[in-house]
Amino acid sequence: MDNREAKIVVGQKIPLIVQDVAGNPVSQLQTIGIQLKVTPHLTQDKKIIMDLHPEVSDLVDAEHGAGRRHHQHERKPTRASWSTTARPR
């Protein structure tokens, strides 16, 4: 449990057209929604420190040259830290 990251995702995978390294259009699945990564850290004095990494992603309209529009994946990562005292058994 100590230092083992867990991830919760609420959303869906959506195919988006992106460019590969050669500049060719390819379809790629992107997860759109809310993601929460949690990593617990146990201390010697029976405390649990939780590193929380929430991220919200969505599709936004973007200009793609010559007035063409397309959907683009936009992520909004944030960071948080929270600690609590574990109960002795």
PDB file of N, CA and C in Angstrom:
ATOM      1  N   MET A   1       0.819  -1.185   0.000  1.00  0.00           N
ATOM      2  CA  MET A   1       0.000   0.000   0.000  1.00  0.00           C
ATOM      3  C   MET A   1       0.866   1.253   0.000  1.00  0.00           C
ATOM      4  N   ASP A   2       1.983   1.265   0.722  1.00  0.00           N
ATOM      5  CA  ASP A   2       2.846   2.438   0.790  1.00  0.00           C
ATOM      6  C   ASP A   2       3.451   2.729  -0.581  1.00  0.00           C
ATOM      7  N   ASN A   3       3.263   3.936  -1.040  1.00  0.00           N
ATOM      8  CA  ASN A   3       3.819   4.424  -2.310  1.00  0.00           C
ATOM      9  C   ASN A   3       3.262   3.733  -3.552  1.00  0.00           C
ATOM     10  N   ARG A   4       2.120   3.066  -3.445  1.00  0.00           N
ATOM     11  CA  ARG A   4       1.503   2.417  -4.606  1.00  0.00           C
ATOM     12  C   ARG A   4       0.378   3.298  -5.124  1.00  0.00           C
ATOM     13  N   GLU A   5       0.549   3.798  -6.325  1.00  0.00           N
ATOM     14  CA  GLU A   5      -0.438   4.697  -6.927  1.00  0.00           C
ATOM     15  C   GLU A   5      -1.697   3.937  -7.333  1.00  0.00           C
ATOM     16  N   ALA A   6      -2.845   4.551  -7.059  1.00  0.00           N
ATOM     17  CA  ALA A   6      -4.129   4.030  -7.521  1.00  0.00           C
ATOM     18  C   ALA A   6      -4.757   5.096  -8.409  1.00  0.00           C
ATOM     19  N   LYS A   7      -5.568   4.657  -9.370  1.00  0.00           N
ATOM     20  CA  LYS A   7      -6.178   5.604 -10.294  1.00  0.00           C
ATOM     21  C   LYS A   7      -7.653   5.284 -10.463  1.00  0.00           C
ATOM     22  N   ILE A   8      -8.469   6.322 -10.388  1.00  0.00           N
ATOM     23  CA  ILE A   8      -9.909   6.214 -10.629  1.00  0.00           C
ATOM     24  C   ILE A   8     -10.215   7.100 -11.828  1.00  0.00           C
ATOM     25  N   VAL A   9     -10.918   6.534 -12.815  1.00  0.00           N
ATOM     26  CA  VAL A   9     -11.279   7.296 -14.010  1.00  0.00           C
ATOM     27  C   VAL A   9     -12.786   7.217 -14.202  1.00  0.00           C
ATOM     28  N   VAL A  10     -13.415   8.377 -14.339  1.00  0.00           N
ATOM     29  CA  VAL A  10     -14.833   8.451 -14.665  1.00  0.00           C
ATOM     30  C   VAL A  10     -14.915   9.209 -15.983  1.00  0.00           C
ATOM     31  N   GLY A  11     -15.222   8.509 -17.044  1.00  0.00           N
ATOM     32  CA  GLY A  11     -15.255   9.142 -18.359  1.00  0.00           C
ATOM     33  C   GLY A  11     -15.416   8.108 -19.440  1.00  0.00           C
ATOM     34  N   GLN A  12     -14.927   8.453 -20.616  1.00  0.00           N
ATOM     35  CA  GLN A  12     -15.028   7.544 -21.743  1.00  0.00           C
ATOM     36  C   GLN A  12     -13.865   7.766 -22.699  1.00  0.00           C
ATOM     37  N   LYS A  13     -13.590   6.751 -23.506  1.00  0.00           N
ATOM     38  CA  LYS A  13     -12.544   6.874 -24.526  1.00  0.00           C
ATOM     39  C   LYS A  13     -13.200   7.313 -25.826  1.00  0.00           C
ATOM     40  N   ILE A  14     -12.626   8.359 -26.426  1.00  0.00           N
ATOM     41  CA  ILE A  14     -13.176   8.932 -27.653  1.00  0.00           C
ATOM     42  C   ILE A  14     -12.076   8.915 -28.716  1.00  0.00           C
ATOM     43  N   PRO A  15     -12.383   8.453 -29.939  1.00  0.00           N
ATOM     44  CA  PRO A  15     -11.366   8.484 -30.994  1.00  0.00           C
ATOM     45  C   PRO A  15     -11.181   9.910 -31.517  1.00  0.00           C
ATOM     46  N   LEU A  16      -9.943  10.367 -31.549  1.00  0.00           N
ATOM     47  CA  LEU A  16      -9.609  11.678 -32.096  1.00  0.00           C
ATOM     48  C   LEU A  16      -8.604  11.497 -33.222  1.00  0.00           C
ATOM     49  N   ILE A  17      -8.668  12.367 -34.203  1.00  0.00           N
ATOM     50  CA  ILE A  17      -7.702  12.347 -35.292  1.00  0.00           C
ATOM     51  C   ILE A  17      -6.512  13.214 -34.866  1.00  0.00           C
ATOM     52  N   VAL A  18      -5.332  12.593 -34.818  1.00  0.00           N
ATOM     53  CA  VAL A  18      -4.088  13.292 -34.469  1.00  0.00           C
ATOM     54  C   VAL A  18      -3.069  12.997 -35.569  1.00  0.00           C
ATOM     55  N   GLN A  19      -1.928  13.667 -35.512  1.00  0.00           N
ATOM     56  CA  GLN A  19      -0.880  13.429 -36.500  1.00  0.00           C
ATOM     57  C   GLN A  19       0.198  12.532 -35.905  1.00  0.00           C
ATOM     58  N   ASP A  20       0.671  11.574 -36.719  1.00  0.00           N
ATOM     59  CA  ASP A  20       1.794  10.754 -36.278  1.00  0.00           C
ATOM     60  C   ASP A  20       3.093  11.531 -36.514  1.00  0.00           C
ATOM     61  N   VAL A  21       4.228  10.912 -36.241  1.00  0.00           N
ATOM     62  CA  VAL A  21       5.514  11.614 -36.359  1.00  0.00           C
ATOM     63  C   VAL A  21       5.808  12.065 -37.791  1.00  0.00           C
ATOM     64  N   ALA A  22       5.227  11.393 -38.774  1.00  0.00           N
ATOM     65  CA  ALA A  22       5.426  11.777 -40.170  1.00  0.00           C
ATOM     66  C   ALA A  22       4.426  12.833 -40.629  1.00  0.00           C
ATOM     67  N   GLY A  23       3.488  13.218 -39.747  1.00  0.00           N
ATOM     68  CA  GLY A  23       2.487  14.221 -40.106  1.00  0.00           C
ATOM     69  C   GLY A  23       1.230  13.649 -40.717  1.00  0.00           C
ATOM     70  N   ASN A  24       1.083  12.330 -40.720  1.00  0.00           N
ATOM     71  CA  ASN A  24      -0.102  11.682 -41.281  1.00  0.00           C
ATOM     72  C   ASN A  24      -1.216  11.653 -40.247  1.00  0.00           C
ATOM     73  N   PRO A  25      -2.481  11.861 -40.673  1.00  0.00           N
ATOM     74  CA  PRO A  25      -3.583  11.778 -39.724  1.00  0.00           C
ATOM     75  C   PRO A  25      -3.851  10.334 -39.312  1.00  0.00           C
ATOM     76  N   VAL A  26      -3.944  10.097 -38.011  1.00  0.00           N
ATOM     77  CA  VAL A  26      -4.262   8.772 -37.478  1.00  0.00           C
ATOM     78  C   VAL A  26      -5.297   8.925 -36.381  1.00  0.00           C
ATOM     79  N   SER A  27      -6.068   7.877 -36.157  1.00  0.00           N
ATOM     80  CA  SER A  27      -7.072   7.876 -35.095  1.00  0.00           C
ATOM     81  C   SER A  27      -6.425   7.365 -33.807  1.00  0.00           C
ATOM     82  N   GLN A  28      -6.666   8.076 -32.698  1.00  0.00           N
ATOM     83  CA  GLN A  28      -6.092   7.688 -31.412  1.00  0.00           C
ATOM     84  C   GLN A  28      -7.169   7.850 -30.333  1.00  0.00           C
ATOM     85  N   LEU A  29      -7.304   6.839 -29.461  1.00  0.00           N
ATOM     86  CA  LEU A  29      -8.276   6.922 -28.377  1.00  0.00           C
ATOM     87  C   LEU A  29      -7.742   7.804 -27.252  1.00  0.00           C
ATOM     88  N   GLN A  30      -8.545   8.760 -26.818  1.00  0.00           N
ATOM     89  CA  GLN A  30      -8.199   9.640 -25.711  1.00  0.00           C
ATOM     90  C   GLN A  30      -9.266   9.492 -24.636  1.00  0.00           C
ATOM     91  N   THR A  31      -8.843   9.417 -23.369  1.00  0.00           N
ATOM     92  CA  THR A  31      -9.797   9.352 -22.264  1.00  0.00           C
ATOM     93  C   THR A  31     -10.252  10.764 -21.931  1.00  0.00           C
ATOM     94  N   ILE A  32     -11.549  10.974 -21.973  1.00  0.00           N
ATOM     95  CA  ILE A  32     -12.148  12.269 -21.679  1.00  0.00           C
ATOM     96  C   ILE A  32     -12.987  12.105 -20.417  1.00  0.00           C
ATOM     97  N   GLY A  33     -12.752  12.941 -19.411  1.00  0.00           N
ATOM     98  CA  GLY A  33     -13.537  12.862 -18.180  1.00  0.00           C
ATOM     99  C   GLY A  33     -12.735  13.318 -16.981  1.00  0.00           C
ATOM    100  N   ILE A  34     -12.947  12.668 -15.858  1.00  0.00           N
ATOM    101  CA  ILE A  34     -12.283  13.019 -14.605  1.00  0.00           C
ATOM    102  C   ILE A  34     -11.399  11.854 -14.183  1.00  0.00           C
ATOM    103  N   GLN A  35     -10.162  12.178 -13.817  1.00  0.00           N
ATOM    104  CA  GLN A  35      -9.217  11.154 -13.369  1.00  0.00           C
ATOM    105  C   GLN A  35      -8.626  11.600 -12.032  1.00  0.00           C
ATOM    106  N   LEU A  36      -8.525  10.669 -11.093  1.00  0.00           N
ATOM    107  CA  LEU A  36      -7.921  10.963  -9.796  1.00  0.00           C
ATOM    108  C   LEU A  36      -6.854   9.915  -9.516  1.00  0.00           C
ATOM    109  N   LYS A  37      -5.601  10.372  -9.388  1.00  0.00           N
ATOM    110  CA  LYS A  37      -4.498   9.494  -8.994  1.00  0.00           C
ATOM    111  C   LYS A  37      -4.215   9.757  -7.515  1.00  0.00           C
ATOM    112  N   VAL A  38      -4.076   8.683  -6.745  1.00  0.00           N
ATOM    113  CA  VAL A  38      -3.840   8.774  -5.305  1.00  0.00           C
ATOM    114  C   VAL A  38      -2.631   7.915  -4.953  1.00  0.00           C
ATOM    115  N   THR A  39      -1.691   8.502  -4.208  1.00  0.00           N
ATOM    116  CA  THR A  39      -0.525   7.758  -3.738  1.00  0.00           C
ATOM    117  C   THR A  39      -0.396   7.939  -2.233  1.00  0.00           C
ATOM    118  N   PRO A  40      -0.574   6.871  -1.433  1.00  0.00           N
ATOM    119  CA  PRO A  40      -0.414   6.985   0.018  1.00  0.00           C
ATOM    120  C   PRO A  40       1.048   6.821   0.420  1.00  0.00           C
ATOM    121  N   HIS A  41       1.444   7.553   1.452  1.00  0.00           N
ATOM    122  CA  HIS A  41       2.787   7.431   2.023  1.00  0.00           C
ATOM    123  C   HIS A  41       2.611   7.228   3.528  1.00  0.00           C
ATOM    124  N   LEU A  42       3.131   6.128   4.053  1.00  0.00           N
ATOM    125  CA  LEU A  42       3.018   5.827   5.471  1.00  0.00           C
ATOM    126  C   LEU A  42       4.253   6.357   6.192  1.00  0.00           C
ATOM    127  N   THR A  43       4.023   7.058   7.321  1.00  0.00           N
ATOM    128  CA  THR A  43       5.149   7.602   8.086  1.00  0.00           C
ATOM    129  C   THR A  43       5.382   6.752   9.328  1.00  0.00           C
ATOM    130  N   GLN A  44       6.535   6.953   9.970  1.00  0.00           N
ATOM    131  CA  GLN A  44       6.881   6.182  11.166  1.00  0.00           C
ATOM    132  C   GLN A  44       5.966   6.496  12.340  1.00  0.00           C
ATOM    133  N   ASP A  45       5.407   7.706  12.380  1.00  0.00           N
ATOM    134  CA  ASP A  45       4.544   8.083  13.499  1.00  0.00           C
ATOM    135  C   ASP A  45       3.057   7.816  13.203  1.00  0.00           C
ATOM    136  N   LYS A  46       2.790   6.775  12.402  1.00  0.00           N
ATOM    137  CA  LYS A  46       1.435   6.281  12.118  1.00  0.00           C
ATOM    138  C   LYS A  46       0.542   7.306  11.429  1.00  0.00           C
ATOM    139  N   LYS A  47       1.115   8.061  10.534  1.00  0.00           N
ATOM    140  CA  LYS A  47       0.332   8.981   9.721  1.00  0.00           C
ATOM    141  C   LYS A  47       0.341   8.490   8.280  1.00  0.00           C
ATOM    142  N   ILE A  48      -0.723   8.834   7.589  1.00  0.00           N
ATOM    143  CA  ILE A  48      -0.811   8.544   6.163  1.00  0.00           C
ATOM    144  C   ILE A  48      -0.853   9.883   5.445  1.00  0.00           C
ATOM    145  N   ILE A  49       0.087  10.096   4.551  1.00  0.00           N
ATOM    146  CA  ILE A  49       0.087  11.298   3.731  1.00  0.00           C
ATOM    147  C   ILE A  49      -0.359  10.879   2.341  1.00  0.00           C
ATOM    148  N   MET A  50      -1.396  11.537   1.850  1.00  0.00           N
ATOM    149  CA  MET A  50      -1.963  11.193   0.554  1.00  0.00           C
ATOM    150  C   MET A  50      -1.598  12.259  -0.467  1.00  0.00           C
ATOM    151  N   ASP A  51      -0.965  11.860  -1.551  1.00  0.00           N
ATOM    152  CA  ASP A  51      -0.753  12.753  -2.685  1.00  0.00           C
ATOM    153  C   ASP A  51      -1.908  12.548  -3.649  1.00  0.00           C
ATOM    154  N   LEU A  52      -2.645  13.608  -3.930  1.00  0.00           N
ATOM    155  CA  LEU A  52      -3.801  13.553  -4.815  1.00  0.00           C
ATOM    156  C   LEU A  52      -3.494  14.332  -6.084  1.00  0.00           C
ATOM    157  N   HIS A  53      -3.805  13.740  -7.217  1.00  0.00           N
ATOM    158  CA  HIS A  53      -3.566  14.382  -8.505  1.00  0.00           C
ATOM    159  C   HIS A  53      -4.843  14.311  -9.352  1.00  0.00           C
ATOM    160  N   PRO A  54      -5.786  15.245  -9.142  1.00  0.00           N
ATOM    161  CA  PRO A  54      -7.004  15.242  -9.959  1.00  0.00           C
ATOM    162  C   PRO A  54      -6.740  15.877 -11.326  1.00  0.00           C
ATOM    163  N   GLU A  55      -7.457  15.375 -12.321  1.00  0.00           N
ATOM    164  CA  GLU A  55      -7.335  15.929 -13.668  1.00  0.00           C
ATOM    165  C   GLU A  55      -8.693  15.872 -14.346  1.00  0.00           C
ATOM    166  N   VAL A  56      -9.070  16.972 -14.983  1.00  0.00           N
ATOM    167  CA  VAL A  56     -10.319  17.034 -15.742  1.00  0.00           C
ATOM    168  C   VAL A  56      -9.935  17.259 -17.201  1.00  0.00           C
ATOM    169  N   SER A  57     -10.479  16.470 -18.093  1.00  0.00           N
ATOM    170  CA  SER A  57     -10.208  16.668 -19.517  1.00  0.00           C
ATOM    171  C   SER A  57     -11.524  16.743 -20.272  1.00  0.00           C
ATOM    172  N   ASP A  58     -11.486  17.459 -21.388  1.00  0.00           N
ATOM    173  CA  ASP A  58     -12.688  17.687 -22.178  1.00  0.00           C
ATOM    174  C   ASP A  58     -12.283  17.905 -23.625  1.00  0.00           C
ATOM    175  N   LEU A  59     -13.260  17.913 -24.493  1.00  0.00           N
ATOM    176  CA  LEU A  59     -13.024  18.254 -25.889  1.00  0.00           C
ATOM    177  C   LEU A  59     -13.326  19.728 -26.086  1.00  0.00           C
ATOM    178  N   VAL A  60     -12.463  20.432 -26.797  1.00  0.00           N
ATOM    179  CA  VAL A  60     -12.690  21.840 -27.105  1.00  0.00           C
ATOM    180  C   VAL A  60     -12.563  22.024 -28.610  1.00  0.00           C
ATOM    181  N   ASP A  61     -13.241  23.015 -29.143  1.00  0.00           N
ATOM    182  CA  ASP A  61     -13.107  23.346 -30.559  1.00  0.00           C
ATOM    183  C   ASP A  61     -11.798  24.085 -30.767  1.00  0.00           C
ATOM    184  N   ALA A  62     -11.117  23.785 -31.856  1.00  0.00           N
ATOM    185  CA  ALA A  62      -9.851  24.448 -32.174  1.00  0.00           C
ATOM    186  C   ALA A  62      -9.802  24.749 -33.665  1.00  0.00           C
ATOM    187  N   GLU A  63      -9.095  25.794 -34.015  1.00  0.00           N
ATOM    188  CA  GLU A  63      -8.898  26.184 -35.418  1.00  0.00           C
ATOM    189  C   GLU A  63      -7.769  25.335 -35.993  1.00  0.00           C
ATOM    190  N   HIS A  64      -7.938  24.852 -37.217  1.00  0.00           N
ATOM    191  CA  HIS A  64      -6.928  23.979 -37.824  1.00  0.00           C
ATOM    192  C   HIS A  64      -6.547  24.506 -39.208  1.00  0.00           C
ATOM    193  N   GLY A  65      -6.113  25.720 -39.280  1.00  0.00           N
ATOM    194  CA  GLY A  65      -5.669  26.300 -40.542  1.00  0.00           C
ATOM    195  C   GLY A  65      -6.785  26.437 -41.559  1.00  0.00           C
ATOM    196  N   ALA A  66      -6.717  27.458 -42.368  1.00  0.00           N
ATOM    197  CA  ALA A  66      -7.687  27.719 -43.449  1.00  0.00           C
ATOM    198  C   ALA A  66      -9.122  27.726 -42.941  1.00  0.00           C
ATOM    199  N   GLY A  67      -9.326  28.110 -41.675  1.00  0.00           N
ATOM    200  CA  GLY A  67     -10.682  28.231 -41.141  1.00  0.00           C
ATOM    201  C   GLY A  67     -11.349  26.923 -40.778  1.00  0.00           C
ATOM    202  N   ARG A  68     -10.644  25.795 -40.917  1.00  0.00           N
ATOM    203  CA  ARG A  68     -11.234  24.506 -40.554  1.00  0.00           C
ATOM    204  C   ARG A  68     -11.205  24.340 -39.043  1.00  0.00           C
ATOM    205  N   ARG A  69     -12.223  23.692 -38.504  1.00  0.00           N
ATOM    206  CA  ARG A  69     -12.318  23.492 -37.064  1.00  0.00           C
ATOM    207  C   ARG A  69     -12.289  22.002 -36.758  1.00  0.00           C
ATOM    208  N   HIS A  70     -11.765  21.670 -35.586  1.00  0.00           N
ATOM    209  CA  HIS A  70     -11.758  20.273 -35.150  1.00  0.00           C
ATOM    210  C   HIS A  70     -11.801  20.238 -33.625  1.00  0.00           C
ATOM    211  N   HIS A  71     -12.054  19.054 -33.078  1.00  0.00           N
ATOM    212  CA  HIS A  71     -12.044  18.874 -31.629  1.00  0.00           C
ATOM    213  C   HIS A  71     -10.632  18.582 -31.160  1.00  0.00           C
ATOM    214  N   GLN A  72     -10.290  19.141 -30.033  1.00  0.00           N
ATOM    215  CA  GLN A  72      -8.962  18.937 -29.462  1.00  0.00           C
ATOM    216  C   GLN A  72      -9.117  18.526 -28.002  1.00  0.00           C
ATOM    217  N   HIS A  73      -8.273  17.606 -27.561  1.00  0.00           N
ATOM    218  CA  HIS A  73      -8.283  17.124 -26.181  1.00  0.00           C
ATOM    219  C   HIS A  73      -7.598  18.163 -25.298  1.00  0.00           C
ATOM    220  N   GLU A  74      -8.285  18.610 -24.237  1.00  0.00           N
ATOM    221  CA  GLU A  74      -7.707  19.602 -23.324  1.00  0.00           C
ATOM    222  C   GLU A  74      -7.715  19.042 -21.912  1.00  0.00           C
ATOM    223  N   ARG A  75      -6.533  19.036 -21.254  1.00  0.00           N
ATOM    224  CA  ARG A  75      -6.417  18.540 -19.885  1.00  0.00           C
ATOM    225  C   ARG A  75      -6.180  19.702 -18.949  1.00  0.00           C
ATOM    226  N   LYS A  76      -6.775  19.594 -17.747  1.00  0.00           N
ATOM    227  CA  LYS A  76      -6.594  20.606 -16.720  1.00  0.00           C
ATOM    228  C   LYS A  76      -6.108  19.928 -15.442  1.00  0.00           C
ATOM    229  N   PRO A  77      -4.792  19.619 -15.367  1.00  0.00           N
ATOM    230  CA  PRO A  77      -4.284  18.946 -14.163  1.00  0.00           C
ATOM    231  C   PRO A  77      -4.140  19.911 -12.989  1.00  0.00           C
ATOM    232  N   THR A  78      -4.347  19.389 -11.789  1.00  0.00           N
ATOM    233  CA  THR A  78      -4.130  20.153 -10.563  1.00  0.00           C
ATOM    234  C   THR A  78      -3.420  19.232  -9.578  1.00  0.00           C
ATOM    235  N   ARG A  79      -2.871  19.796  -8.520  1.00  0.00           N
ATOM    236  CA  ARG A  79      -2.194  18.980  -7.504  1.00  0.00           C
ATOM    237  C   ARG A  79      -2.761  19.335  -6.143  1.00  0.00           C
ATOM    238  N   ALA A  80      -2.792  18.344  -5.270  1.00  0.00           N
ATOM    239  CA  ALA A  80      -3.255  18.557  -3.902  1.00  0.00           C
ATOM    240  C   ALA A  80      -2.535  17.570  -2.998  1.00  0.00           C
ATOM    241  N   SER A  81      -2.419  17.909  -1.741  1.00  0.00           N
ATOM    242  CA  SER A  81      -1.836  17.005  -0.768  1.00  0.00           C
ATOM    243  C   SER A  81      -2.710  17.030   0.476  1.00  0.00           C
ATOM    244  N   TRP A  82      -2.895  15.869   1.071  1.00  0.00           N
ATOM    245  CA  TRP A  82      -3.765  15.752   2.233  1.00  0.00           C
ATOM    246  C   TRP A  82      -3.145  14.746   3.178  1.00  0.00           C
ATOM    247  N   SER A  83      -3.208  15.009   4.462  1.00  0.00           N
ATOM    248  CA  SER A  83      -2.670  14.029   5.415  1.00  0.00           C
ATOM    249  C   SER A  83      -3.656  13.781   6.539  1.00  0.00           C
ATOM    250  N   THR A  84      -3.590  12.572   7.090  1.00  0.00           N
ATOM    251  CA  THR A  84      -4.452  12.202   8.199  1.00  0.00           C
ATOM    252  C   THR A  84      -3.692  11.216   9.085  1.00  0.00           C
ATOM    253  N   THR A  85      -4.146  11.053  10.294  1.00  0.00           N
ATOM    254  CA  THR A  85      -3.521  10.115  11.226  1.00  0.00           C
ATOM    255  C   THR A  85      -4.234   8.775  11.154  1.00  0.00           C
ATOM    256  N   ALA A  86      -3.477   7.708  10.960  1.00  0.00           N
ATOM    257  CA  ALA A  86      -4.048   6.371  10.932  1.00  0.00           C
ATOM    258  C   ALA A  86      -4.393   5.934  12.340  1.00  0.00           C
ATOM    259  N   ARG A  87      -5.427   5.145  12.470  1.00  0.00           N
ATOM    260  CA  ARG A  87      -5.831   4.627  13.784  1.00  0.00           C
ATOM    261  C   ARG A  87      -5.031   3.379  14.106  1.00  0.00           C
ATOM    262  N   PRO A  88      -4.427   3.318  15.296  1.00  0.00           N
ATOM    263  CA  PRO A  88      -3.684   2.099  15.669  1.00  0.00           C
ATOM    264  C   PRO A  88      -4.636   0.920  15.837  1.00  0.00           C
ATOM    265  N   ARG A  89      -4.157  -0.277  15.535  1.00  0.00           N
ATOM    266  CA  ARG A  89      -4.982  -1.483  15.675  1.00  0.00           C
ATOM    267  C   ARG A  89      -4.742  -2.161  16.975  1.00  0.00           C
TER     268      ARG A  89
END
